[in-house]
Amino acid sequence: RLQTKKEENKLKKEEKKIKDDEFKLFQDKPKFGEIVHEPPTLTLPKRSKFDKSKAGMKDLLLKEKLKNQNSFNETNRKKNN
């Protein structure tokens, strides 16, 4: 059991080291005397304000049924008038 714990800890340390090495690739180290006016900006693709796939953003089932019922009632009123 002790041996497996040591192996697990060793694997975790190696994974952490790999993550740290990957992060170092994205770092930009300015040379001595170089002037930096602002940090780099990240440009990300724009997302729509109302993403329906997120939880809580979909319409309720009752709301859909009421909307269908209202449109049905409006068509009946037009025929009667």
Protein backbone atom coordinates (compact mmCIF):
# COMPACT_ATOMS: atom_id res chain seq x y z
CA ARG A 1 0.00 0.00 0.00
CA LEU A 2 2.82 2.38 0.86
CA GLN A 3 4.47 1.71 -2.48
CA THR A 4 1.30 2.62 -4.39
CA LYS A 5 0.96 5.88 -2.44
CA LYS A 6 4.55 6.79 -3.32
CA GLU A 7 3.87 6.05 -6.99
CA GLU A 8 0.68 8.13 -6.95
CA ASN A 9 2.48 11.07 -5.37
CA LYS A 10 5.29 10.76 -7.90
CA LEU A 11 2.79 10.80 -10.78
CA LYS A 12 1.03 13.85 -9.35
CA LYS A 13 4.34 15.71 -9.06
CA GLU A 14 5.23 14.84 -12.65
CA GLU A 15 1.83 16.05 -13.90
CA LYS A 16 2.21 19.29 -11.97
CA LYS A 17 5.70 19.79 -13.39
CA ILE A 18 4.38 19.27 -16.93
CA LYS A 19 1.62 21.85 -16.35
CA ASP A 20 4.18 24.35 -15.01
CA ASP A 21 6.43 23.77 -18.03
CA GLU A 22 3.49 24.39 -20.40
CA PHE A 23 2.71 27.65 -18.60
CA LYS A 24 6.30 28.82 -19.03
CA LEU A 25 5.88 28.60 -22.80
CA PHE A 26 3.19 31.29 -22.66
CA GLN A 27 5.16 33.72 -20.51
CA ASP A 28 6.76 36.74 -22.12
CA LYS A 29 9.81 38.05 -20.31
CA PRO A 30 10.76 41.59 -21.33
CA LYS A 31 14.48 42.31 -21.52
CA PHE A 32 16.15 44.68 -19.11
CA GLY A 33 15.43 48.27 -20.09
CA GLU A 34 12.53 47.38 -22.38
CA ILE A 35 9.45 49.53 -21.80
CA VAL A 36 6.08 47.83 -21.56
CA HIS A 37 3.13 50.22 -21.84
CA GLU A 38 0.30 47.76 -21.21
CA PRO A 39 -0.24 44.07 -20.66
CA PRO A 40 -1.03 41.92 -23.68
CA THR A 41 -4.68 41.71 -24.65
CA LEU A 42 -6.52 38.47 -25.29
CA THR A 43 -9.05 38.30 -28.08
CA LEU A 44 -11.72 35.68 -27.62
CA PRO A 45 -14.58 34.76 -29.93
CA LYS A 46 -17.77 36.60 -29.03
CA ARG A 47 -20.60 34.67 -27.46
CA SER A 48 -24.22 35.56 -27.82
CA LYS A 49 -25.81 37.27 -24.82
CA PHE A 50 -28.57 34.74 -24.47
CA ASP A 51 -27.19 31.27 -24.97
CA LYS A 52 -30.18 28.93 -24.80
CA SER A 53 -28.03 25.90 -24.09
CA LYS A 54 -27.19 27.17 -20.59
CA ALA A 55 -29.24 26.00 -17.67
CA GLY A 56 -32.16 28.26 -16.80
CA MET A 57 -32.24 30.03 -20.15
CA LYS A 58 -34.81 27.83 -21.87
CA ASP A 59 -38.49 28.76 -21.89
CA LEU A 60 -40.79 26.82 -19.63
CA LEU A 61 -43.03 24.15 -21.16
CA LEU A 62 -46.13 25.86 -19.80
CA LYS A 63 -45.09 29.09 -21.46
CA GLU A 64 -44.87 27.34 -24.83
CA LYS A 65 -48.28 25.73 -24.39
CA LEU A 66 -49.87 29.05 -23.43
CA LYS A 67 -48.30 30.73 -26.43
CA ASN A 68 -49.70 28.03 -28.74
CA GLN A 69 -53.11 28.32 -27.09
CA ASN A 70 -53.13 32.12 -27.47
CA SER A 71 -52.29 31.88 -31.16
CA PHE A 72 -55.09 29.31 -31.57
CA ASN A 73 -57.59 31.64 -29.83
CA GLU A 74 -56.55 34.58 -32.01
CA THR A 75 -57.17 32.60 -35.21
CA ASN A 76 -60.65 31.61 -33.94
CA ARG A 77 -61.48 35.26 -33.14
CA LYS A 78 -60.49 36.36 -36.63
CA LYS A 79 -62.77 33.74 -38.19
CA ASN A 80 -65.71 34.75 -35.96
CA ASN A 81 -65.37 38.48 -36.79
